Amino acid sequence: MAKGQHLSRYQQGIVNRYYDNKDTIVVTRLAEIVSDLALCDSEKKAAALWKRAETALAAVKADPVRSRTVLGAKDVKGLAALVGELSAKR
């Protein structure tokens, strides 16, 4: 945060709730990526979605070996299963 920039108590509450629920937010984002990948018709768009999935999996701290396997194979069903397991843990 920039020097001299202060948040009100209300704004601090919003920021704190965001970070309290960040894992749930990322898992929801991953679920949306899976549905977008299932409907994707363009290779360029699919590549961008897989990159977003990689970033989101790193943020949620999923099993790195399984994540690399799913991302390397570009397996939509495997990614959906992984996201399902992550959401069940939450």
C-alpha atoms as a PDB file:
ATOM      1  CA  MET A   1       0.000   0.000   0.000  1.00  0.00           C
ATOM      2  CA  ALA A   2       1.277   3.465  -0.820  1.00  0.00           C
ATOM      3  CA  LYS A   3       2.789   5.531   1.971  1.00  0.00           C
ATOM      4  CA  GLY A   4       0.244   7.770   3.626  1.00  0.00           C
ATOM      5  CA  GLN A   5      -2.732   5.804   2.317  1.00  0.00           C
ATOM      6  CA  HIS A   6      -4.967   4.648   5.138  1.00  0.00           C
ATOM      7  CA  LEU A   7      -8.115   2.573   5.055  1.00  0.00           C
ATOM      8  CA  SER A   8     -11.206   3.279   7.085  1.00  0.00           C
ATOM      9  CA  ARG A   9     -12.415   0.611   9.477  1.00  0.00           C
ATOM     10  CA  TYR A  10     -15.128  -0.360   6.987  1.00  0.00           C
ATOM     11  CA  GLN A  11     -12.578  -0.735   4.177  1.00  0.00           C
ATOM     12  CA  GLN A  12     -10.279  -2.754   6.431  1.00  0.00           C
ATOM     13  CA  GLY A  13     -13.185  -5.111   7.122  1.00  0.00           C
ATOM     14  CA  ILE A  14     -13.766  -5.600   3.392  1.00  0.00           C
ATOM     15  CA  VAL A  15     -10.090  -6.353   2.785  1.00  0.00           C
ATOM     16  CA  ASN A  16      -9.920  -8.749   5.733  1.00  0.00           C
ATOM     17  CA  ARG A  17     -13.018 -10.654   4.585  1.00  0.00           C
ATOM     18  CA  TYR A  18     -11.536 -10.956   1.098  1.00  0.00           C
ATOM     19  CA  TYR A  19      -8.369 -12.567   2.442  1.00  0.00           C
ATOM     20  CA  ASP A  20     -10.367 -14.775   4.821  1.00  0.00           C
ATOM     21  CA  ASN A  21     -12.303 -16.164   1.840  1.00  0.00           C
ATOM     22  CA  LYS A  22      -9.541 -16.095  -0.781  1.00  0.00           C
ATOM     23  CA  ASP A  23      -9.329 -19.897  -1.104  1.00  0.00           C
ATOM     24  CA  THR A  24     -13.047 -20.136  -1.812  1.00  0.00           C
ATOM     25  CA  ILE A  25     -12.796 -17.323  -4.352  1.00  0.00           C
ATOM     26  CA  VAL A  26      -9.926 -19.059  -6.175  1.00  0.00           C
ATOM     27  CA  VAL A  27     -11.716 -22.439  -6.225  1.00  0.00           C
ATOM     28  CA  THR A  28     -14.799 -20.737  -7.685  1.00  0.00           C
ATOM     29  CA  ARG A  29     -12.594 -19.089 -10.318  1.00  0.00           C
ATOM     30  CA  LEU A  30     -11.124 -22.510 -11.146  1.00  0.00           C
ATOM     31  CA  ALA A  31     -14.615 -23.960 -11.566  1.00  0.00           C
ATOM     32  CA  GLU A  32     -15.432 -21.168 -14.009  1.00  0.00           C
ATOM     33  CA  ILE A  33     -12.218 -21.877 -15.934  1.00  0.00           C
ATOM     34  CA  VAL A  34     -13.170 -25.562 -16.207  1.00  0.00           C
ATOM     35  CA  SER A  35     -16.564 -24.694 -17.668  1.00  0.00           C
ATOM     36  CA  ASP A  36     -14.970 -22.210 -20.078  1.00  0.00           C
ATOM     37  CA  LEU A  37     -12.448 -24.850 -21.183  1.00  0.00           C
ATOM     38  CA  ALA A  38     -15.217 -27.357 -21.811  1.00  0.00           C
ATOM     39  CA  LEU A  39     -16.966 -24.880 -24.112  1.00  0.00           C
ATOM     40  CA  CYS A  40     -13.838 -23.400 -25.696  1.00  0.00           C
ATOM     41  CA  ASP A  41     -13.552 -23.552 -29.478  1.00  0.00           C
ATOM     42  CA  SER A  42     -10.295 -21.665 -30.024  1.00  0.00           C
ATOM     43  CA  GLU A  43      -6.776 -22.952 -29.327  1.00  0.00           C
ATOM     44  CA  LYS A  44      -5.593 -19.447 -28.450  1.00  0.00           C
ATOM     45  CA  LYS A  45      -8.361 -18.967 -25.905  1.00  0.00           C
ATOM     46  CA  ALA A  46      -7.758 -22.453 -24.491  1.00  0.00           C
ATOM     47  CA  ALA A  47      -4.058 -21.672 -24.005  1.00  0.00           C
ATOM     48  CA  ALA A  48      -4.946 -18.514 -22.087  1.00  0.00           C
ATOM     49  CA  LEU A  49      -7.433 -20.445 -19.921  1.00  0.00           C
ATOM     50  CA  TRP A  50      -4.849 -23.133 -19.114  1.00  0.00           C
ATOM     51  CA  LYS A  51      -2.409 -20.385 -18.081  1.00  0.00           C
ATOM     52  CA  ARG A  52      -5.082 -18.910 -15.771  1.00  0.00           C
ATOM     53  CA  ALA A  53      -5.744 -22.375 -14.348  1.00  0.00           C
ATOM     54  CA  GLU A  54      -2.030 -22.809 -13.627  1.00  0.00           C
ATOM     55  CA  THR A  55      -1.918 -19.487 -11.779  1.00  0.00           C
ATOM     56  CA  ALA A  56      -5.051 -20.274  -9.788  1.00  0.00           C
ATOM     57  CA  LEU A  57      -3.813 -23.746  -8.811  1.00  0.00           C
ATOM     58  CA  ALA A  58      -0.599 -22.199  -7.522  1.00  0.00           C
ATOM     59  CA  ALA A  59      -2.603 -19.679  -5.488  1.00  0.00           C
ATOM     60  CA  VAL A  60      -4.768 -22.327  -3.844  1.00  0.00           C
ATOM     61  CA  LYS A  61      -1.750 -24.560  -3.099  1.00  0.00           C
ATOM     62  CA  ALA A  62      -3.098 -27.692  -4.756  1.00  0.00           C
ATOM     63  CA  ASP A  63      -1.016 -30.885  -4.913  1.00  0.00           C
ATOM     64  CA  PRO A  64       1.871 -29.808  -7.172  1.00  0.00           C
ATOM     65  CA  VAL A  65       2.476 -33.231  -8.731  1.00  0.00           C
ATOM     66  CA  ARG A  66      -1.156 -33.725  -9.652  1.00  0.00           C
ATOM     67  CA  SER A  67      -1.449 -30.150 -10.866  1.00  0.00           C
ATOM     68  CA  ARG A  68       1.559 -30.558 -13.166  1.00  0.00           C
ATOM     69  CA  THR A  69       0.130 -33.825 -14.497  1.00  0.00           C
ATOM     70  CA  VAL A  70      -3.266 -32.305 -15.284  1.00  0.00           C
ATOM     71  CA  LEU A  71      -1.783 -29.123 -16.745  1.00  0.00           C
ATOM     72  CA  GLY A  72       0.789 -31.017 -18.798  1.00  0.00           C
ATOM     73  CA  ALA A  73      -1.841 -33.290 -20.329  1.00  0.00           C
ATOM     74  CA  LYS A  74      -4.345 -30.427 -20.642  1.00  0.00           C
ATOM     75  CA  ASP A  75      -6.950 -32.801 -19.237  1.00  0.00           C
ATOM     76  CA  VAL A  76     -10.227 -30.943 -18.653  1.00  0.00           C
ATOM     77  CA  LYS A  77     -11.831 -33.887 -16.849  1.00  0.00           C
ATOM     78  CA  GLY A  78      -8.798 -34.237 -14.583  1.00  0.00           C
ATOM     79  CA  LEU A  79      -8.891 -30.520 -13.815  1.00  0.00           C
ATOM     80  CA  ALA A  80     -12.600 -30.764 -13.045  1.00  0.00           C
ATOM     81  CA  ALA A  81     -11.943 -33.659 -10.656  1.00  0.00           C
ATOM     82  CA  LEU A  82      -9.146 -31.725  -8.947  1.00  0.00           C
ATOM     83  CA  VAL A  83     -11.356 -28.650  -8.561  1.00  0.00           C
ATOM     84  CA  GLY A  84     -14.132 -30.837  -7.155  1.00  0.00           C
ATOM     85  CA  GLU A  85     -11.765 -32.221  -4.528  1.00  0.00           C
ATOM     86  CA  LEU A  86     -10.539 -28.731  -3.649  1.00  0.00           C
ATOM     87  CA  SER A  87     -14.085 -27.451  -3.241  1.00  0.00           C
ATOM     88  CA  ALA A  88     -14.979 -30.439  -1.059  1.00  0.00           C
ATOM     89  CA  LYS A  89     -12.101 -29.535   1.278  1.00  0.00           C
ATOM     90  CA  ARG A  90     -13.436 -26.009   1.720  1.00  0.00           C
END
